[in-house]
């Protein structure tokens, strides 16, 4: 091995060590509650967009699980999220996904729809969790112990994994909606209120996946 190769390997090992140390800091709650049984991270994505569903992820990871670069989905590139999604699906004890669509969001409001999506995600797990680690919220109507953690997707590997599952799932759904309802740019804006999306909304009018309660400031809705 040449000197340059040795230096590259040394840097690679240093980066790997730093990453493992970072991940250890994200296992604080997993270590704190490790005697409680199956810990399930819960997170959601899509509370703010003008269109599309709100999606929640529920993930139970093995106690000895190592998934390098696991982090809050908002801090990761799309490519990295896609890679981590596959690794989480492969290594997780169980994964549950819940989605609530625009009509239901308009009916019960976004907060209640978010709770509903989270309940769906938990109910879709193939393994029953013993404790829920939630990003910031306590979910009503769930008969399981819960620990709400502020900014949990950056503090817990279980919640970070759930945030990635929810984000990738919703992004893929919005890409499919792009082909069904062209013109709004759903594949790129994911239903959020980007300027081009609002301009298209005003020009084309709303489609079936727009949230009527969210777009009333931009267009008239029936």
N, C-alpha and C. Protein backbone atom coordinates (compact mmCIF):
# COMPACT_ATOMS: atom_id res chain seq x y z
N UNK A 1 0.84 -1.20 0.00
CA UNK A 1 0.00 0.00 0.00
C UNK A 1 0.87 1.25 0.00
N UNK A 2 0.60 2.16 -0.91
CA UNK A 2 1.41 3.38 -1.02
C UNK A 2 1.08 4.32 0.14
N UNK A 3 1.93 5.34 0.28
CA UNK A 3 1.71 6.34 1.33
C UNK A 3 0.37 7.05 1.13
N UNK A 4 0.07 7.39 -0.14
CA UNK A 4 -1.20 8.07 -0.43
C UNK A 4 -2.39 7.18 -0.08
N UNK A 5 -2.26 5.89 -0.39
CA UNK A 5 -3.33 4.95 -0.07
C UNK A 5 -3.49 4.79 1.44
N UNK A 6 -2.37 4.78 2.15
CA UNK A 6 -2.41 4.69 3.62
C UNK A 6 -3.11 5.91 4.21
N UNK A 7 -2.81 7.08 3.67
CA UNK A 7 -3.44 8.31 4.15
C UNK A 7 -4.95 8.30 3.90
N UNK A 8 -5.33 7.83 2.71
CA UNK A 8 -6.75 7.75 2.39
C UNK A 8 -7.48 6.77 3.32
N UNK A 9 -6.84 5.65 3.59
CA UNK A 9 -7.44 4.67 4.49
C UNK A 9 -7.54 5.20 5.91
N UNK A 10 -6.51 5.94 6.33
CA UNK A 10 -6.53 6.54 7.67
C UNK A 10 -7.68 7.55 7.78
N UNK A 11 -7.86 8.38 6.75
CA UNK A 11 -8.96 9.35 6.76
C UNK A 11 -10.31 8.64 6.75
N UNK A 12 -10.40 7.55 5.99
CA UNK A 12 -11.65 6.79 5.94
C UNK A 12 -11.99 6.23 7.31
N UNK A 13 -10.99 5.70 7.99
CA UNK A 13 -11.20 5.14 9.33
C UNK A 13 -11.57 6.22 10.33
N UNK A 14 -10.97 7.39 10.20
CA UNK A 14 -11.29 8.50 11.09
C UNK A 14 -12.73 8.96 10.89
N UNK A 15 -13.16 9.04 9.63
CA UNK A 15 -14.54 9.42 9.33
C UNK A 15 -15.52 8.39 9.87
N UNK A 16 -15.16 7.12 9.72
CA UNK A 16 -16.01 6.04 10.21
C UNK A 16 -16.14 6.10 11.73
N UNK A 17 -15.03 6.35 12.39
CA UNK A 17 -15.04 6.47 13.86
C UNK A 17 -15.91 7.64 14.30
N UNK A 18 -15.78 8.79 13.61
CA UNK A 18 -16.58 9.97 13.95
C UNK A 18 -18.07 9.71 13.72
N UNK A 19 -18.38 9.00 12.64
CA UNK A 19 -19.78 8.68 12.35
C UNK A 19 -20.37 7.76 13.41
N UNK A 20 -19.60 6.77 13.83
CA UNK A 20 -20.09 5.84 14.86
C UNK A 20 -20.28 6.57 16.20
N UNK A 21 -19.41 7.52 16.48
CA UNK A 21 -19.55 8.32 17.70
C UNK A 21 -20.81 9.19 17.62
N UNK A 22 -21.08 9.75 16.43
CA UNK A 22 -22.29 10.55 16.25
C UNK A 22 -23.54 9.69 16.46
N UNK A 23 -23.51 8.49 15.89
CA UNK A 23 -24.66 7.60 16.05
C UNK A 23 -24.88 7.21 17.51
N UNK A 24 -23.79 7.05 18.25
CA UNK A 24 -23.92 6.73 19.68
C UNK A 24 -24.69 7.81 20.42
N UNK A 25 -24.48 9.07 20.04
CA UNK A 25 -25.20 10.16 20.71
C UNK A 25 -26.69 10.11 20.37
N UNK A 26 -27.02 9.49 19.23
CA UNK A 26 -28.43 9.38 18.83
C UNK A 26 -29.11 8.14 19.42
N UNK A 27 -28.38 7.40 20.25
CA UNK A 27 -28.96 6.20 20.87
C UNK A 27 -29.29 6.43 22.34
N UNK A 28 -29.25 7.71 22.77
CA UNK A 28 -29.49 8.02 24.18
C UNK A 28 -30.81 7.43 24.67
N UNK A 29 -31.88 7.65 23.93
CA UNK A 29 -33.20 7.18 24.37
C UNK A 29 -33.34 5.67 24.18
N UNK A 30 -32.67 5.14 23.15
CA UNK A 30 -32.69 3.69 22.96
C UNK A 30 -32.01 2.98 24.13
N UNK A 31 -30.90 3.56 24.63
CA UNK A 31 -30.23 2.98 25.79
C UNK A 31 -31.07 3.19 27.07
N UNK A 32 -31.66 4.36 27.18
CA UNK A 32 -32.44 4.69 28.38
C UNK A 32 -33.61 3.74 28.56
N UNK A 33 -34.24 3.35 27.45
CA UNK A 33 -35.45 2.52 27.53
C UNK A 33 -35.23 1.11 27.00
N UNK A 34 -33.99 0.67 26.91
CA UNK A 34 -33.70 -0.62 26.29
C UNK A 34 -34.33 -1.81 27.01
N UNK A 35 -34.62 -1.65 28.30
CA UNK A 35 -35.22 -2.75 29.06
C UNK A 35 -36.74 -2.81 28.90
N UNK A 36 -37.30 -1.90 28.14
CA UNK A 36 -38.77 -1.85 27.99
C UNK A 36 -39.29 -2.76 26.88
N UNK A 37 -38.39 -3.38 26.13
CA UNK A 37 -38.83 -4.26 25.04
C UNK A 37 -38.65 -3.62 23.69
N UNK A 38 -39.62 -3.83 22.80
CA UNK A 38 -39.54 -3.30 21.44
C UNK A 38 -39.82 -1.79 21.42
N UNK A 39 -38.80 -1.02 21.08
CA UNK A 39 -38.95 0.43 20.99
C UNK A 39 -39.29 0.81 19.56
N UNK A 40 -40.30 1.64 19.40
CA UNK A 40 -40.77 2.03 18.07
C UNK A 40 -40.66 3.53 17.88
N UNK A 41 -39.89 3.95 16.89
CA UNK A 41 -39.81 5.37 16.55
C UNK A 41 -40.97 5.77 15.66
N UNK A 42 -41.54 6.95 15.91
CA UNK A 42 -42.67 7.47 15.12
C UNK A 42 -42.34 8.87 14.63
N UNK A 43 -42.58 9.11 13.33
CA UNK A 43 -42.45 10.46 12.80
C UNK A 43 -43.36 10.62 11.60
N UNK A 44 -43.59 11.87 11.22
CA UNK A 44 -44.48 12.15 10.09
C UNK A 44 -43.83 13.15 9.16
N UNK A 45 -44.41 13.23 7.96
CA UNK A 45 -44.00 14.23 6.99
C UNK A 45 -45.23 14.68 6.22
N UNK A 46 -45.25 15.95 5.84
CA UNK A 46 -46.34 16.44 5.01
C UNK A 46 -47.43 17.19 5.74
N UNK A 47 -47.10 17.82 6.85
CA UNK A 47 -48.13 18.62 7.54
C UNK A 47 -48.36 19.96 6.83
N UNK A 48 -47.34 20.48 6.18
CA UNK A 48 -47.43 21.83 5.62
C UNK A 48 -47.83 21.99 4.17
N UNK A 49 -47.75 20.95 3.34
CA UNK A 49 -48.03 21.14 1.91
C UNK A 49 -49.46 21.54 1.59
N UNK A 50 -49.64 22.11 0.40
CA UNK A 50 -50.97 22.47 -0.08
C UNK A 50 -51.69 21.27 -0.70
N UNK A 51 -50.93 20.23 -1.01
CA UNK A 51 -51.51 19.07 -1.69
C UNK A 51 -50.87 17.78 -1.19
N UNK A 52 -51.62 16.69 -1.37
CA UNK A 52 -51.10 15.37 -1.02
C UNK A 52 -51.40 14.97 0.40
N UNK A 53 -51.03 13.75 0.76
CA UNK A 53 -51.33 13.21 2.08
C UNK A 53 -50.33 13.63 3.14
N UNK A 54 -50.70 13.42 4.38
CA UNK A 54 -49.73 13.41 5.48
C UNK A 54 -49.39 11.95 5.72
N UNK A 55 -48.10 11.66 5.86
CA UNK A 55 -47.63 10.27 5.96
C UNK A 55 -46.82 10.10 7.24
N UNK A 56 -47.07 9.00 7.94
CA UNK A 56 -46.32 8.69 9.16
C UNK A 56 -45.58 7.37 8.99
N UNK A 57 -44.42 7.29 9.62
CA UNK A 57 -43.65 6.05 9.64
C UNK A 57 -43.49 5.57 11.07
N UNK A 58 -43.49 4.26 11.25
CA UNK A 58 -43.24 3.63 12.55
C UNK A 58 -42.19 2.55 12.34
N UNK A 59 -41.09 2.61 13.08
CA UNK A 59 -39.98 1.69 12.84
C UNK A 59 -39.48 1.11 14.17
N UNK A 60 -39.37 -0.22 14.20
CA UNK A 60 -38.73 -0.92 15.31
C UNK A 60 -37.40 -1.45 14.80
N UNK A 61 -36.30 -0.97 15.37
CA UNK A 61 -34.97 -1.43 14.99
C UNK A 61 -34.46 -2.47 15.98
N UNK A 62 -33.61 -3.40 15.52
CA UNK A 62 -32.98 -4.33 16.46
C UNK A 62 -32.09 -3.57 17.44
N UNK A 63 -31.89 -4.14 18.62
CA UNK A 63 -31.10 -3.43 19.64
C UNK A 63 -29.65 -3.23 19.22
N UNK A 64 -29.10 -4.14 18.42
CA UNK A 64 -27.69 -4.03 18.01
C UNK A 64 -27.55 -3.43 16.62
N UNK A 65 -28.58 -2.74 16.16
CA UNK A 65 -28.61 -2.25 14.77
C UNK A 65 -27.62 -1.11 14.54
N UNK A 66 -26.88 -1.20 13.46
CA UNK A 66 -26.03 -0.09 13.03
C UNK A 66 -26.38 0.27 11.59
N UNK A 67 -26.88 1.48 11.40
CA UNK A 67 -27.15 2.00 10.07
C UNK A 67 -26.41 3.33 9.96
N UNK A 68 -25.27 3.29 9.31
CA UNK A 68 -24.42 4.48 9.22
C UNK A 68 -25.14 5.61 8.48
N UNK A 69 -24.91 6.84 8.96
CA UNK A 69 -25.45 8.08 8.37
C UNK A 69 -26.95 8.25 8.59
N UNK A 70 -27.53 7.43 9.45
CA UNK A 70 -28.93 7.61 9.82
C UNK A 70 -29.07 8.97 10.51
N UNK A 71 -30.06 9.75 10.06
CA UNK A 71 -30.23 11.09 10.60
C UNK A 71 -31.63 11.59 10.27
N UNK A 72 -31.97 12.72 10.83
CA UNK A 72 -33.20 13.42 10.47
C UNK A 72 -33.27 13.52 8.95
N UNK A 73 -34.40 13.10 8.38
CA UNK A 73 -34.52 13.05 6.91
C UNK A 73 -34.28 14.41 6.26
N UNK A 74 -34.59 15.49 6.98
CA UNK A 74 -34.42 16.83 6.41
C UNK A 74 -32.95 17.19 6.23
N UNK A 75 -32.06 16.48 6.90
CA UNK A 75 -30.63 16.77 6.81
C UNK A 75 -29.92 15.90 5.78
N UNK A 76 -30.68 15.10 5.06
CA UNK A 76 -30.09 14.16 4.11
C UNK A 76 -30.49 14.50 2.68
N UNK A 77 -29.63 14.16 1.74
CA UNK A 77 -29.96 14.33 0.33
C UNK A 77 -30.99 13.28 -0.08
N UNK A 78 -31.66 13.52 -1.20
CA UNK A 78 -32.64 12.55 -1.68
C UNK A 78 -31.99 11.20 -1.96
N UNK A 79 -30.81 11.22 -2.56
CA UNK A 79 -30.09 9.97 -2.85
C UNK A 79 -29.76 9.21 -1.57
N UNK A 80 -29.28 9.92 -0.56
CA UNK A 80 -28.93 9.27 0.71
C UNK A 80 -30.18 8.71 1.39
N UNK A 81 -31.29 9.46 1.34
CA UNK A 81 -32.54 8.96 1.93
C UNK A 81 -33.00 7.66 1.27
N UNK A 82 -32.89 7.62 -0.05
CA UNK A 82 -33.30 6.42 -0.78
C UNK A 82 -32.45 5.22 -0.38
N UNK A 83 -31.15 5.42 -0.26
CA UNK A 83 -30.26 4.33 0.15
C UNK A 83 -30.57 3.87 1.58
N UNK A 84 -30.79 4.84 2.47
CA UNK A 84 -31.09 4.51 3.86
C UNK A 84 -32.46 3.84 3.98
N UNK A 85 -33.41 4.26 3.16
CA UNK A 85 -34.73 3.63 3.15
C UNK A 85 -34.59 2.12 2.91
N UNK A 86 -33.81 1.76 1.91
CA UNK A 86 -33.62 0.34 1.59
C UNK A 86 -32.95 -0.40 2.74
N UNK A 87 -31.97 0.24 3.37
CA UNK A 87 -31.25 -0.40 4.47
C UNK A 87 -32.15 -0.56 5.70
N UNK A 88 -32.95 0.45 5.97
CA UNK A 88 -33.90 0.36 7.09
C UNK A 88 -34.90 -0.76 6.86
N UNK A 89 -35.45 -0.82 5.66
CA UNK A 89 -36.43 -1.86 5.33
C UNK A 89 -35.82 -3.25 5.47
N UNK A 90 -34.53 -3.36 5.16
CA UNK A 90 -33.84 -4.64 5.24
C UNK A 90 -33.53 -5.04 6.68
N UNK A 91 -33.13 -4.08 7.51
CA UNK A 91 -32.63 -4.39 8.84
C UNK A 91 -33.67 -4.28 9.95
N UNK A 92 -34.74 -3.54 9.74
CA UNK A 92 -35.72 -3.29 10.81
C UNK A 92 -36.44 -4.56 11.22
N UNK A 93 -36.79 -4.62 12.49
CA UNK A 93 -37.65 -5.71 13.00
C UNK A 93 -39.03 -5.58 12.37
N UNK A 94 -39.52 -4.35 12.27
CA UNK A 94 -40.83 -4.09 11.67
C UNK A 94 -40.92 -2.64 11.23
N UNK A 95 -41.67 -2.41 10.15
CA UNK A 95 -41.93 -1.06 9.64
C UNK A 95 -43.42 -0.92 9.36
N UNK A 96 -44.01 0.16 9.83
CA UNK A 96 -45.41 0.45 9.55
C UNK A 96 -45.54 1.83 8.92
N UNK A 97 -46.44 1.96 7.96
CA UNK A 97 -46.66 3.24 7.28
C UNK A 97 -48.14 3.58 7.34
N UNK A 98 -48.44 4.83 7.63
CA UNK A 98 -49.82 5.30 7.63
C UNK A 98 -49.95 6.58 6.83
N UNK A 99 -51.01 6.70 6.04
CA UNK A 99 -51.22 7.91 5.23
C UNK A 99 -52.67 8.35 5.34
N UNK A 100 -52.87 9.66 5.41
CA UNK A 100 -54.21 10.24 5.45
C UNK A 100 -54.29 11.29 4.35
N UNK A 101 -55.29 11.18 3.49
CA UNK A 101 -55.38 12.00 2.30
C UNK A 101 -56.00 13.37 2.52
N UNK A 102 -56.00 14.19 1.47
CA UNK A 102 -56.46 15.58 1.54
C UNK A 102 -57.90 15.74 2.02
N UNK A 103 -58.80 14.89 1.55
CA UNK A 103 -60.20 15.03 1.93
C UNK A 103 -60.39 14.87 3.43
N UNK A 104 -59.68 13.88 3.99
CA UNK A 104 -59.76 13.64 5.43
C UNK A 104 -59.07 14.78 6.20
N UNK A 105 -57.98 15.30 5.66
CA UNK A 105 -57.29 16.43 6.29
C UNK A 105 -58.25 17.62 6.39
N UNK A 106 -58.96 17.89 5.29
CA UNK A 106 -59.93 18.99 5.29
C UNK A 106 -61.07 18.74 6.28
N UNK A 107 -61.41 17.49 6.46
CA UNK A 107 -62.54 17.13 7.32
C UNK A 107 -62.22 17.28 8.80
N UNK A 108 -61.02 16.82 9.21
CA UNK A 108 -60.74 16.76 10.65
C UNK A 108 -59.60 17.69 11.09
N UNK A 109 -58.96 18.38 10.20
CA UNK A 109 -57.81 19.28 10.35
C UNK A 109 -56.49 18.50 10.36
N UNK A 110 -55.42 19.21 10.07
CA UNK A 110 -54.13 18.56 9.83
C UNK A 110 -53.56 17.89 11.08
N UNK A 111 -53.78 18.49 12.26
CA UNK A 111 -53.25 17.87 13.48
C UNK A 111 -53.91 16.52 13.74
N UNK A 112 -55.24 16.49 13.66
CA UNK A 112 -55.94 15.23 13.90
C UNK A 112 -55.62 14.20 12.81
N UNK A 113 -55.43 14.68 11.57
CA UNK A 113 -55.06 13.78 10.48
C UNK A 113 -53.66 13.20 10.71
N UNK A 114 -52.77 14.01 11.27
CA UNK A 114 -51.42 13.53 11.59
C UNK A 114 -51.49 12.43 12.64
N UNK A 115 -52.27 12.66 13.69
CA UNK A 115 -52.44 11.62 14.71
C UNK A 115 -53.01 10.35 14.10
N UNK A 116 -53.97 10.51 13.19
CA UNK A 116 -54.60 9.34 12.55
C UNK A 116 -53.58 8.57 11.72
N UNK A 117 -52.75 9.28 10.99
CA UNK A 117 -51.70 8.63 10.19
C UNK A 117 -50.73 7.87 11.10
N UNK A 118 -50.41 8.45 12.24
CA UNK A 118 -49.52 7.78 13.19
C UNK A 118 -50.16 6.52 13.76
N UNK A 119 -51.44 6.60 14.08
CA UNK A 119 -52.14 5.41 14.57
C UNK A 119 -52.17 4.31 13.51
N UNK A 120 -52.39 4.70 12.24
CA UNK A 120 -52.37 3.73 11.16
C UNK A 120 -50.98 3.08 11.06
N UNK A 121 -49.93 3.90 11.16
CA UNK A 121 -48.56 3.37 11.06
C UNK A 121 -48.29 2.34 12.14
N UNK A 122 -48.70 2.65 13.37
CA UNK A 122 -48.49 1.71 14.50
C UNK A 122 -49.29 0.43 14.26
N UNK A 123 -50.54 0.57 13.82
CA UNK A 123 -51.39 -0.60 13.61
C UNK A 123 -50.90 -1.46 12.45
N UNK A 124 -50.11 -0.89 11.54
CA UNK A 124 -49.60 -1.65 10.40
C UNK A 124 -48.27 -2.36 10.69
N UNK A 125 -47.76 -2.23 11.90
CA UNK A 125 -46.55 -2.96 12.29
C UNK A 125 -46.88 -4.45 12.44
N UNK A 126 -45.96 -5.30 11.96
CA UNK A 126 -46.16 -6.75 12.10
C UNK A 126 -45.76 -7.25 13.49
N UNK A 127 -45.00 -6.41 14.22
CA UNK A 127 -44.56 -6.74 15.58
C UNK A 127 -45.10 -5.68 16.52
N UNK A 128 -45.66 -6.10 17.64
CA UNK A 128 -46.24 -5.14 18.58
C UNK A 128 -45.13 -4.42 19.35
N UNK A 129 -45.14 -3.09 19.34
CA UNK A 129 -44.14 -2.35 20.12
C UNK A 129 -44.52 -2.30 21.60
N UNK A 130 -43.52 -2.12 22.45
CA UNK A 130 -43.76 -2.00 23.89
C UNK A 130 -43.70 -0.55 24.35
N UNK A 131 -43.02 0.30 23.56
CA UNK A 131 -42.89 1.72 23.91
C UNK A 131 -42.71 2.51 22.62
N UNK A 132 -43.42 3.63 22.52
CA UNK A 132 -43.30 4.50 21.36
C UNK A 132 -42.42 5.69 21.69
N UNK A 133 -41.45 5.94 20.82
CA UNK A 133 -40.62 7.15 20.90
C UNK A 133 -41.12 8.06 19.78
N UNK A 134 -41.79 9.15 20.15
CA UNK A 134 -42.45 10.01 19.18
C UNK A 134 -41.70 11.31 18.96
N UNK A 135 -41.73 11.80 17.73
CA UNK A 135 -41.16 13.11 17.47
C UNK A 135 -42.12 14.19 17.95
N UNK A 136 -41.89 14.66 19.15
CA UNK A 136 -42.54 15.85 19.73
C UNK A 136 -43.96 15.64 20.28
N UNK A 137 -44.72 14.69 19.77
CA UNK A 137 -46.14 14.63 20.14
C UNK A 137 -46.47 13.41 21.00
N UNK A 138 -47.62 13.49 21.67
CA UNK A 138 -48.24 12.33 22.31
C UNK A 138 -49.48 12.01 21.48
N UNK A 139 -49.57 10.79 20.99
CA UNK A 139 -50.64 10.41 20.07
C UNK A 139 -51.87 9.98 20.85
N UNK A 140 -52.99 10.67 20.70
CA UNK A 140 -54.20 10.25 21.40
C UNK A 140 -54.76 8.97 20.79
N UNK A 141 -55.44 8.20 21.63
CA UNK A 141 -56.09 7.00 21.14
C UNK A 141 -55.18 5.81 20.92
N UNK A 142 -53.99 5.84 21.50
CA UNK A 142 -53.05 4.72 21.40
C UNK A 142 -52.82 4.16 22.79
N UNK A 143 -53.10 2.89 22.97
CA UNK A 143 -53.00 2.26 24.30
C UNK A 143 -51.60 1.69 24.53
N UNK A 144 -50.60 2.49 24.26
CA UNK A 144 -49.21 2.08 24.48
C UNK A 144 -48.47 3.21 25.18
N UNK A 145 -47.47 2.88 26.01
CA UNK A 145 -46.66 3.93 26.62
C UNK A 145 -45.95 4.75 25.54
N UNK A 146 -45.88 6.05 25.74
CA UNK A 146 -45.28 6.93 24.75
C UNK A 146 -44.31 7.92 25.40
N UNK A 147 -43.24 8.23 24.67
CA UNK A 147 -42.28 9.24 25.11
C UNK A 147 -42.15 10.28 24.00
N UNK A 148 -42.74 11.48 24.18
CA UNK A 148 -42.55 12.53 23.17
C UNK A 148 -41.17 13.17 23.34
N UNK A 149 -40.44 13.31 22.25
CA UNK A 149 -39.08 13.85 22.28
C UNK A 149 -39.01 15.04 21.31
N UNK A 150 -38.76 16.23 21.84
CA UNK A 150 -38.64 17.41 20.99
C UNK A 150 -37.43 17.26 20.06
N UNK A 151 -37.65 17.51 18.77
CA UNK A 151 -36.63 17.30 17.74
C UNK A 151 -36.08 15.88 17.79
N UNK A 152 -37.00 14.95 18.02
CA UNK A 152 -36.62 13.54 18.19
C UNK A 152 -35.94 12.94 16.98
N UNK A 153 -36.26 13.45 15.77
CA UNK A 153 -35.65 12.88 14.57
C UNK A 153 -34.15 13.15 14.49
N UNK A 154 -33.66 14.07 15.32
CA UNK A 154 -32.22 14.34 15.38
C UNK A 154 -31.59 13.77 16.65
N UNK A 155 -32.42 13.16 17.52
CA UNK A 155 -31.92 12.67 18.82
C UNK A 155 -32.10 11.18 19.02
N UNK A 156 -32.84 10.52 18.15
CA UNK A 156 -33.13 9.09 18.31
C UNK A 156 -33.00 8.40 16.97
N UNK A 157 -32.25 7.30 16.94
CA UNK A 157 -32.10 6.58 15.67
C UNK A 157 -33.42 5.97 15.22
N UNK A 158 -34.27 5.59 16.18
CA UNK A 158 -35.56 4.99 15.83
C UNK A 158 -36.47 6.02 15.16
N UNK A 159 -36.50 7.23 15.71
CA UNK A 159 -37.33 8.29 15.13
C UNK A 159 -36.73 8.75 13.81
N UNK A 160 -35.40 8.84 13.73
CA UNK A 160 -34.75 9.21 12.46
C UNK A 160 -35.11 8.22 11.37
N UNK A 161 -35.10 6.93 11.70
CA UNK A 161 -35.46 5.89 10.73
C UNK A 161 -36.91 6.07 10.28
N UNK A 162 -37.79 6.37 11.23
CA UNK A 162 -39.20 6.59 10.89
C UNK A 162 -39.36 7.82 10.00
N UNK A 163 -38.58 8.85 10.24
CA UNK A 163 -38.67 10.07 9.43
C UNK A 163 -38.26 9.80 7.99
N UNK A 164 -37.25 8.96 7.80
CA UNK A 164 -36.79 8.61 6.46
C UNK A 164 -37.84 7.76 5.73
N UNK A 165 -38.40 6.79 6.43
CA UNK A 165 -39.45 5.95 5.83
C UNK A 165 -40.63 6.81 5.40
N UNK A 166 -41.06 7.71 6.27
CA UNK A 166 -42.20 8.58 5.95
C UNK A 166 -41.88 9.50 4.77
N UNK A 167 -40.70 10.10 4.79
CA UNK A 167 -40.31 11.07 3.76
C UNK A 167 -40.20 10.41 2.38
N UNK A 168 -39.50 9.29 2.31
CA UNK A 168 -39.32 8.62 1.03
C UNK A 168 -40.67 8.11 0.50
N UNK A 169 -41.48 7.57 1.39
CA UNK A 169 -42.80 7.08 0.98
C UNK A 169 -43.63 8.21 0.39
N UNK A 170 -43.67 9.35 1.07
CA UNK A 170 -44.49 10.46 0.58
C UNK A 170 -43.92 11.05 -0.71
N UNK A 171 -42.59 11.17 -0.79
CA UNK A 171 -41.98 11.72 -2.00
C UNK A 171 -42.31 10.84 -3.22
N UNK A 172 -42.29 9.54 -3.02
CA UNK A 172 -42.63 8.63 -4.12
C UNK A 172 -44.11 8.78 -4.52
N UNK A 173 -44.96 8.97 -3.54
CA UNK A 173 -46.38 9.18 -3.83
C UNK A 173 -46.57 10.45 -4.65
N UNK A 174 -45.87 11.52 -4.26
CA UNK A 174 -46.02 12.79 -4.97
C UNK A 174 -45.48 12.70 -6.39
N UNK A 175 -44.43 11.90 -6.60
CA UNK A 175 -43.91 11.70 -7.95
C UNK A 175 -44.95 10.98 -8.83
N UNK A 176 -45.67 10.05 -8.22
CA UNK A 176 -46.74 9.36 -8.97
C UNK A 176 -47.88 10.33 -9.28
N UNK A 177 -48.20 11.20 -8.34
CA UNK A 177 -49.26 12.19 -8.59
C UNK A 177 -48.89 13.14 -9.73
N UNK A 178 -47.59 13.37 -9.92
CA UNK A 178 -47.13 14.24 -11.01
C UNK A 178 -47.64 13.74 -12.36
N UNK A 179 -47.58 12.40 -12.54
CA UNK A 179 -48.03 11.83 -13.82
C UNK A 179 -49.55 11.83 -13.93
N UNK A 180 -50.23 11.74 -12.79
CA UNK A 180 -51.70 11.73 -12.80
C UNK A 180 -52.28 13.14 -12.95
N UNK A 181 -51.60 14.11 -12.32
CA UNK A 181 -52.08 15.49 -12.33
C UNK A 181 -50.93 16.41 -12.75
N UNK A 182 -50.57 16.40 -14.05
CA UNK A 182 -49.43 17.19 -14.51
C UNK A 182 -49.72 18.70 -14.46
N UNK A 183 -48.62 19.43 -14.40
CA UNK A 183 -48.74 20.88 -14.46
C UNK A 183 -48.44 21.59 -13.15
N UNK A 184 -48.55 20.86 -12.04
CA UNK A 184 -48.34 21.50 -10.73
C UNK A 184 -46.91 21.32 -10.20
N UNK A 185 -46.15 20.43 -10.83
CA UNK A 185 -44.77 20.20 -10.39
C UNK A 185 -44.66 19.38 -9.12
N UNK A 186 -45.60 18.47 -8.91
CA UNK A 186 -45.62 17.71 -7.66
C UNK A 186 -44.34 16.90 -7.42
N UNK A 187 -43.71 16.41 -8.49
CA UNK A 187 -42.49 15.61 -8.32
C UNK A 187 -41.36 16.42 -7.70
N UNK A 188 -41.32 17.72 -8.03
CA UNK A 188 -40.24 18.56 -7.50
C UNK A 188 -40.63 19.31 -6.23
N UNK A 189 -41.88 19.84 -6.18
CA UNK A 189 -42.24 20.63 -5.00
C UNK A 189 -42.90 19.81 -3.90
N UNK A 190 -43.24 18.55 -4.20
CA UNK A 190 -43.85 17.63 -3.24
C UNK A 190 -45.15 18.17 -2.64
N UNK A 191 -45.78 19.10 -3.35
CA UNK A 191 -47.05 19.64 -2.89
C UNK A 191 -46.92 20.87 -2.01
N UNK A 192 -45.69 21.28 -1.70
CA UNK A 192 -45.48 22.47 -0.88
C UNK A 192 -45.76 23.73 -1.71
N UNK A 193 -45.88 24.84 -1.03
CA UNK A 193 -46.32 26.08 -1.67
C UNK A 193 -45.23 26.84 -2.38
N UNK A 194 -44.49 26.18 -3.26
CA UNK A 194 -43.48 26.86 -4.08
C UNK A 194 -44.18 27.84 -5.02
N UNK A 195 -43.45 28.86 -5.46
CA UNK A 195 -44.04 29.90 -6.31
C UNK A 195 -44.64 29.32 -7.59
N UNK A 196 -43.93 28.39 -8.22
CA UNK A 196 -44.44 27.78 -9.46
C UNK A 196 -45.70 26.96 -9.19
N UNK A 197 -45.75 26.32 -8.04
CA UNK A 197 -46.94 25.53 -7.69
C UNK A 197 -48.15 26.46 -7.51
N UNK A 198 -47.96 27.55 -6.80
CA UNK A 198 -49.06 28.50 -6.58
C UNK A 198 -49.51 29.13 -7.89
N UNK A 199 -48.54 29.44 -8.77
CA UNK A 199 -48.89 30.00 -10.08
C UNK A 199 -49.72 28.99 -10.89
N UNK A 200 -49.32 27.73 -10.85
CA UNK A 200 -50.06 26.68 -11.57
C UNK A 200 -51.45 26.48 -10.96
N UNK A 201 -51.51 26.57 -9.65
CA UNK A 201 -52.79 26.42 -8.95
C UNK A 201 -53.77 27.52 -9.40
N UNK A 202 -53.26 28.73 -9.54
CA UNK A 202 -54.11 29.85 -9.97
C UNK A 202 -54.52 29.71 -11.45
N UNK A 203 -53.61 29.15 -12.23
CA UNK A 203 -53.89 29.01 -13.67
C UNK A 203 -54.80 27.82 -13.96
N UNK A 204 -54.51 26.69 -13.34
CA UNK A 204 -55.21 25.44 -13.64
C UNK A 204 -56.39 25.17 -12.71
N UNK A 205 -56.36 25.83 -11.54
CA UNK A 205 -57.34 25.49 -10.51
C UNK A 205 -56.89 24.27 -9.73
N UNK A 206 -57.55 23.96 -8.64
CA UNK A 206 -57.13 22.83 -7.81
C UNK A 206 -57.47 21.48 -8.46
N UNK A 207 -56.67 20.47 -8.13
CA UNK A 207 -56.99 19.10 -8.53
C UNK A 207 -57.45 18.34 -7.28
N UNK A 208 -57.74 17.07 -7.44
CA UNK A 208 -58.37 16.32 -6.34
C UNK A 208 -57.45 16.12 -5.13
N UNK A 209 -56.13 16.25 -5.31
CA UNK A 209 -55.26 16.04 -4.15
C UNK A 209 -54.91 17.34 -3.43
N UNK A 210 -55.45 18.46 -3.88
CA UNK A 210 -55.22 19.71 -3.14
C UNK A 210 -56.08 19.74 -1.88
N UNK A 211 -55.51 20.30 -0.83
CA UNK A 211 -56.22 20.46 0.43
C UNK A 211 -57.02 21.76 0.38
N UNK A 212 -58.31 21.65 0.34
CA UNK A 212 -59.16 22.84 0.18
C UNK A 212 -58.94 23.85 1.30
N UNK A 213 -58.73 23.38 2.51
CA UNK A 213 -58.54 24.29 3.64
C UNK A 213 -57.18 24.98 3.60
N UNK A 214 -56.26 24.46 2.78
CA UNK A 214 -54.92 25.04 2.70
C UNK A 214 -54.78 26.03 1.54
N UNK A 215 -55.62 25.90 0.52
CA UNK A 215 -55.43 26.71 -0.70
C UNK A 215 -56.41 27.87 -0.80
N UNK A 216 -57.28 28.03 0.19
CA UNK A 216 -58.35 29.04 0.08
C UNK A 216 -57.80 30.47 0.03
N UNK A 217 -56.57 30.69 0.44
CA UNK A 217 -55.96 32.02 0.34
C UNK A 217 -55.43 32.33 -1.05
N UNK A 218 -55.37 31.29 -1.89
CA UNK A 218 -54.82 31.46 -3.24
C UNK A 218 -55.89 31.39 -4.33
N UNK A 219 -56.87 30.51 -4.15
CA UNK A 219 -57.94 30.34 -5.14
C UNK A 219 -59.26 30.15 -4.41
N UNK A 220 -60.35 30.41 -5.09
CA UNK A 220 -61.66 30.16 -4.50
C UNK A 220 -61.95 28.66 -4.60
N UNK A 221 -62.48 28.10 -3.53
CA UNK A 221 -62.79 26.67 -3.50
C UNK A 221 -64.23 26.47 -3.12
N UNK A 222 -64.80 25.42 -3.67
CA UNK A 222 -66.21 25.14 -3.37
C UNK A 222 -66.32 24.25 -2.13
